[in-house]
C-alpha atoms as a PDB file:
ATOM      1  CA  UNK A   1     -33.753 106.522 -67.808  1.00  0.00           C
ATOM      2  CA  UNK A   2     -37.262 107.492 -65.908  1.00  0.00           C
ATOM      3  CA  UNK A   3     -38.439 110.763 -65.878  1.00  0.00           C
ATOM      4  CA  UNK A   4     -40.486 113.200 -63.275  1.00  0.00           C
ATOM      5  CA  UNK A   5     -41.597 116.568 -64.695  1.00  0.00           C
ATOM      6  CA  UNK A   6     -43.269 118.871 -62.429  1.00  0.00           C
ATOM      7  CA  UNK A   7     -44.689 122.213 -63.978  1.00  0.00           C
ATOM      8  CA  UNK A   8     -45.033 125.260 -61.883  1.00  0.00           C
ATOM      9  CA  UNK A   9     -47.686 127.548 -62.832  1.00  0.00           C
ATOM     10  CA  UNK A  10     -50.411 129.411 -60.716  1.00  0.00           C
ATOM     11  CA  UNK A  11     -52.758 129.910 -63.907  1.00  0.00           C
ATOM     12  CA  UNK A  12     -52.051 126.701 -64.775  1.00  0.00           C
ATOM     13  CA  UNK A  13     -52.828 124.839 -61.577  1.00  0.00           C
ATOM     14  CA  UNK A  14     -55.805 126.497 -61.833  1.00  0.00           C
ATOM     15  CA  UNK A  15     -57.052 125.578 -65.419  1.00  0.00           C
ATOM     16  CA  UNK A  16     -57.179 129.019 -66.446  1.00  0.00           C
ATOM     17  CA  UNK A  17     -53.854 128.382 -68.878  1.00  0.00           C
ATOM     18  CA  UNK A  18     -52.762 124.946 -70.672  1.00  0.00           C
ATOM     19  CA  UNK A  19     -49.733 123.241 -69.922  1.00  0.00           C
ATOM     20  CA  UNK A  20     -47.863 123.546 -73.139  1.00  0.00           C
ATOM     21  CA  UNK A  21     -44.237 123.144 -71.651  1.00  0.00           C
ATOM     22  CA  UNK A  22     -44.830 119.823 -69.884  1.00  0.00           C
ATOM     23  CA  UNK A  23     -46.094 118.537 -73.504  1.00  0.00           C
ATOM     24  CA  UNK A  24     -42.870 119.287 -75.066  1.00  0.00           C
ATOM     25  CA  UNK A  25     -40.922 117.585 -72.222  1.00  0.00           C
ATOM     26  CA  UNK A  26     -42.717 114.352 -72.577  1.00  0.00           C
ATOM     27  CA  UNK A  27     -42.483 114.705 -76.245  1.00  0.00           C
ATOM     28  CA  UNK A  28     -38.538 115.023 -76.230  1.00  0.00           C
ATOM     29  CA  UNK A  29     -37.499 112.345 -73.452  1.00  0.00           C
ATOM     30  CA  UNK A  30     -39.454 110.333 -75.056  1.00  0.00           C
ATOM     31  CA  UNK A  31     -37.973 110.462 -78.593  1.00  0.00           C
ATOM     32  CA  UNK A  32     -34.769 110.338 -76.549  1.00  0.00           C
ATOM     33  CA  UNK A  33     -35.966 106.907 -75.528  1.00  0.00           C
ATOM     34  CA  UNK A  34     -36.530 108.127 -71.509  1.00  0.00           C
ATOM     35  CA  UNK A  35     -40.007 106.705 -70.105  1.00  0.00           C
ATOM     36  CA  UNK A  36     -42.031 109.678 -68.193  1.00  0.00           C
ATOM     37  CA  UNK A  37     -43.303 107.742 -64.866  1.00  0.00           C
ATOM     38  CA  UNK A  38     -45.189 111.431 -62.993  1.00  0.00           C
ATOM     39  CA  UNK A  39     -46.068 114.333 -64.224  1.00  0.00           C
ATOM     40  CA  UNK A  40     -47.400 116.964 -61.999  1.00  0.00           C
ATOM     41  CA  UNK A  41     -48.972 120.706 -62.139  1.00  0.00           C
ATOM     42  CA  UNK A  42     -48.762 123.168 -59.142  1.00  0.00           C
ATOM     43  CA  UNK A  43     -48.835 126.621 -57.878  1.00  0.00           C
ATOM     44  CA  UNK A  44     -45.890 128.824 -57.561  1.00  0.00           C
ATOM     45  CA  UNK A  45     -45.643 128.089 -54.106  1.00  0.00           C
ATOM     46  CA  UNK A  46     -41.603 127.844 -52.752  1.00  0.00           C
ATOM     47  CA  UNK A  47     -43.305 125.288 -49.967  1.00  0.00           C
ATOM     48  CA  UNK A  48     -45.200 123.298 -52.161  1.00  0.00           C
ATOM     49  CA  UNK A  49     -42.300 122.973 -54.966  1.00  0.00           C
ATOM     50  CA  UNK A  50     -39.954 121.579 -51.931  1.00  0.00           C
ATOM     51  CA  UNK A  51     -42.712 119.303 -50.911  1.00  0.00           C
ATOM     52  CA  UNK A  52     -43.331 118.244 -54.213  1.00  0.00           C
ATOM     53  CA  UNK A  53     -39.238 117.700 -55.439  1.00  0.00           C
ATOM     54  CA  UNK A  54     -38.985 115.618 -52.206  1.00  0.00           C
ATOM     55  CA  UNK A  55     -41.767 113.664 -52.887  1.00  0.00           C
ATOM     56  CA  UNK A  56     -40.653 112.629 -56.726  1.00  0.00           C
ATOM     57  CA  UNK A  57     -37.125 112.140 -55.424  1.00  0.00           C
ATOM     58  CA  UNK A  58     -38.342 109.855 -52.354  1.00  0.00           C
ATOM     59  CA  UNK A  59     -40.148 107.650 -55.158  1.00  0.00           C
ATOM     60  CA  UNK A  60     -36.606 105.794 -56.076  1.00  0.00           C
ATOM     61  CA  UNK A  61     -38.341 104.997 -59.481  1.00  0.00           C
ATOM     62  CA  UNK A  62     -37.038 108.543 -61.309  1.00  0.00           C
ATOM     63  CA  UNK A  63     -33.723 109.072 -62.505  1.00  0.00           C
ATOM     64  CA  UNK A  64     -34.414 112.721 -63.913  1.00  0.00           C
ATOM     65  CA  UNK A  65     -36.496 115.504 -62.553  1.00  0.00           C
ATOM     66  CA  UNK A  66     -37.266 118.044 -64.968  1.00  0.00           C
ATOM     67  CA  UNK A  67     -39.197 121.078 -63.749  1.00  0.00           C
ATOM     68  CA  UNK A  68     -40.411 123.916 -65.843  1.00  0.00           C
ATOM     69  CA  UNK A  69     -41.519 127.633 -64.980  1.00  0.00           C
ATOM     70  CA  UNK A  70     -40.714 129.542 -62.020  1.00  0.00           C
ATOM     71  CA  UNK A  71     -37.086 130.387 -63.180  1.00  0.00           C
ATOM     72  CA  UNK A  72     -37.540 134.133 -64.592  1.00  0.00           C
ATOM     73  CA  UNK A  73     -37.846 137.377 -62.315  1.00  0.00           C
ATOM     74  CA  UNK A  74     -41.592 137.533 -61.476  1.00  0.00           C
ATOM     75  CA  UNK A  75     -41.872 137.708 -57.539  1.00  0.00           C
ATOM     76  CA  UNK A  76     -43.558 134.316 -57.837  1.00  0.00           C
ATOM     77  CA  UNK A  77     -41.229 132.324 -59.510  1.00  0.00           C
ATOM     78  CA  UNK A  78     -39.484 130.535 -56.764  1.00  0.00           C
ATOM     79  CA  UNK A  79     -38.636 127.438 -58.565  1.00  0.00           C
ATOM     80  CA  UNK A  80     -34.472 127.667 -58.063  1.00  0.00           C
ATOM     81  CA  UNK A  81     -34.981 128.866 -54.619  1.00  0.00           C
ATOM     82  CA  UNK A  82     -37.241 125.389 -53.441  1.00  0.00           C
ATOM     83  CA  UNK A  83     -34.609 123.238 -55.896  1.00  0.00           C
ATOM     84  CA  UNK A  84     -31.814 124.617 -54.067  1.00  0.00           C
ATOM     85  CA  UNK A  85     -33.382 123.742 -50.743  1.00  0.00           C
ATOM     86  CA  UNK A  86     -33.774 120.221 -51.798  1.00  0.00           C
ATOM     87  CA  UNK A  87     -30.275 119.402 -53.704  1.00  0.00           C
ATOM     88  CA  UNK A  88     -27.294 117.914 -51.798  1.00  0.00           C
ATOM     89  CA  UNK A  89     -24.740 118.461 -54.835  1.00  0.00           C
ATOM     90  CA  UNK A  90     -24.703 121.140 -57.426  1.00  0.00           C
ATOM     91  CA  UNK A  91     -24.377 120.665 -60.936  1.00  0.00           C
ATOM     92  CA  UNK A  92     -23.349 124.160 -62.214  1.00  0.00           C
ATOM     93  CA  UNK A  93     -22.215 123.143 -65.439  1.00  0.00           C
ATOM     94  CA  UNK A  94     -25.892 122.295 -66.722  1.00  0.00           C
ATOM     95  CA  UNK A  95     -27.496 125.831 -66.215  1.00  0.00           C
ATOM     96  CA  UNK A  96     -24.188 127.427 -67.427  1.00  0.00           C
ATOM     97  CA  UNK A  97     -24.475 125.471 -70.592  1.00  0.00           C
ATOM     98  CA  UNK A  98     -28.197 125.704 -70.706  1.00  0.00           C
ATOM     99  CA  UNK A  99     -28.134 129.984 -70.549  1.00  0.00           C
ATOM    100  CA  UNK A 100     -24.983 129.917 -72.894  1.00  0.00           C
ATOM    101  CA  UNK A 101     -27.114 127.916 -75.217  1.00  0.00           C
ATOM    102  CA  UNK A 102     -30.012 129.928 -75.351  1.00  0.00           C
ATOM    103  CA  UNK A 103     -27.690 133.212 -75.301  1.00  0.00           C
ATOM    104  CA  UNK A 104     -27.372 131.747 -78.786  1.00  0.00           C
ATOM    105  CA  UNK A 105     -31.057 131.950 -79.808  1.00  0.00           C
ATOM    106  CA  UNK A 106     -32.032 135.085 -77.635  1.00  0.00           C
ATOM    107  CA  UNK A 107     -30.291 137.364 -75.225  1.00  0.00           C
ATOM    108  CA  UNK A 108     -33.027 136.794 -72.777  1.00  0.00           C
ATOM    109  CA  UNK A 109     -31.212 133.408 -72.215  1.00  0.00           C
ATOM    110  CA  UNK A 110     -29.803 135.206 -69.337  1.00  0.00           C
ATOM    111  CA  UNK A 111     -32.575 135.637 -67.614  1.00  0.00           C
ATOM    112  CA  UNK A 112     -33.038 132.235 -66.373  1.00  0.00           C
ATOM    113  CA  UNK A 113     -32.192 131.427 -62.600  1.00  0.00           C
ATOM    114  CA  UNK A 114     -32.500 128.051 -63.310  1.00  0.00           C
ATOM    115  CA  UNK A 115     -30.674 125.836 -61.337  1.00  0.00           C
ATOM    116  CA  UNK A 116     -29.381 121.760 -61.626  1.00  0.00           C
ATOM    117  CA  UNK A 117     -28.603 119.258 -58.679  1.00  0.00           C
ATOM    118  CA  UNK A 118     -28.499 116.049 -57.713  1.00  0.00           C
ATOM    119  CA  UNK A 119     -30.624 114.462 -54.282  1.00  0.00           C
ATOM    120  CA  UNK A 120     -29.445 111.154 -53.637  1.00  0.00           C
ATOM    121  CA  UNK A 121     -29.520 109.561 -57.251  1.00  0.00           C
ATOM    122  CA  UNK A 122     -31.635 111.727 -59.178  1.00  0.00           C
ATOM    123  CA  UNK A 123     -30.921 114.687 -60.985  1.00  0.00           C
ATOM    124  CA  UNK A 124     -33.045 117.909 -60.536  1.00  0.00           C
ATOM    125  CA  UNK A 125     -33.196 120.234 -63.853  1.00  0.00           C
ATOM    126  CA  UNK A 126     -35.056 123.549 -63.968  1.00  0.00           C
ATOM    127  CA  UNK A 127     -36.110 124.561 -67.479  1.00  0.00           C
ATOM    128  CA  UNK A 128     -37.547 127.847 -68.180  1.00  0.00           C
ATOM    129  CA  UNK A 129     -41.612 127.690 -69.201  1.00  0.00           C
ATOM    130  CA  UNK A 130     -41.294 128.525 -72.693  1.00  0.00           C
ATOM    131  CA  UNK A 131     -42.143 125.436 -75.023  1.00  0.00           C
ATOM    132  CA  UNK A 132     -40.232 126.789 -77.391  1.00  0.00           C
ATOM    133  CA  UNK A 133     -37.067 127.598 -75.051  1.00  0.00           C
ATOM    134  CA  UNK A 134     -37.699 123.785 -73.307  1.00  0.00           C
ATOM    135  CA  UNK A 135     -37.550 122.047 -76.727  1.00  0.00           C
ATOM    136  CA  UNK A 136     -34.871 124.032 -77.622  1.00  0.00           C
ATOM    137  CA  UNK A 137     -32.629 123.133 -74.411  1.00  0.00           C
ATOM    138  CA  UNK A 138     -33.458 119.436 -74.137  1.00  0.00           C
ATOM    139  CA  UNK A 139     -32.861 118.798 -78.175  1.00  0.00           C
ATOM    140  CA  UNK A 140     -29.191 120.318 -76.921  1.00  0.00           C
ATOM    141  CA  UNK A 141     -28.538 118.594 -73.917  1.00  0.00           C
ATOM    142  CA  UNK A 142     -30.521 115.402 -73.325  1.00  0.00           C
ATOM    143  CA  UNK A 143     -26.786 113.277 -74.900  1.00  0.00           C
ATOM    144  CA  UNK A 144     -24.579 114.539 -72.002  1.00  0.00           C
ATOM    145  CA  UNK A 145     -27.683 114.818 -69.574  1.00  0.00           C
ATOM    146  CA  UNK A 146     -27.802 110.685 -70.363  1.00  0.00           C
ATOM    147  CA  UNK A 147     -23.706 110.336 -69.653  1.00  0.00           C
ATOM    148  CA  UNK A 148     -24.188 112.261 -66.405  1.00  0.00           C
ATOM    149  CA  UNK A 149     -27.270 110.236 -65.187  1.00  0.00           C
ATOM    150  CA  UNK A 150     -25.330 106.588 -66.368  1.00  0.00           C
ATOM    151  CA  UNK A 151     -22.294 107.884 -63.967  1.00  0.00           C
ATOM    152  CA  UNK A 152     -25.001 108.652 -61.119  1.00  0.00           C
ATOM    153  CA  UNK A 153     -26.656 105.224 -61.841  1.00  0.00           C
ATOM    154  CA  UNK A 154     -23.548 103.683 -61.901  1.00  0.00           C
ATOM    155  CA  UNK A 155     -24.075 102.363 -65.177  1.00  0.00           C
ATOM    156  CA  UNK A 156     -20.568 103.441 -66.352  1.00  0.00           C
ATOM    157  CA  UNK A 157     -17.686 104.724 -64.995  1.00  0.00           C
ATOM    158  CA  UNK A 158     -16.308 105.647 -67.952  1.00  0.00           C
ATOM    159  CA  UNK A 159     -15.826 109.697 -69.035  1.00  0.00           C
ATOM    160  CA  UNK A 160     -14.077 109.160 -72.272  1.00  0.00           C
ATOM    161  CA  UNK A 161     -15.916 109.472 -75.703  1.00  0.00           C
ATOM    162  CA  UNK A 162     -15.770 106.220 -77.594  1.00  0.00           C
END
């Protein structure tokens, strides 16, 4: 599977903070056997996020877009809103599972507003901005996500476990 990563960070996009979450995403997905084909670091601006998501989907060589950052309560956290403007079909089980899993680690997991959905043949998932949370969530969910991507990309039609 081919992955695109988009990090939302005002400070990161200005060079004022190092983006650690993208590094963690790259490590996790490559360890799982995925290939990162593109990565971006952009400010927390809803229109910019929407445009970048659409741009990456239109490349047609990205099966999974993982965003990081912009899913909290800050007025600048607008990643879910931009993502909702882009996706065509919601996949509510993914963010529900992410929050349920995170709640086992910290009760602050309930504060994530991340969403997930499909546009064309690309799955888009909003991850938190915390490198620790990104690692925990990806290690938990990459296997079922892989199965979902195989179905989306018509590599399998069998949902039963073997």
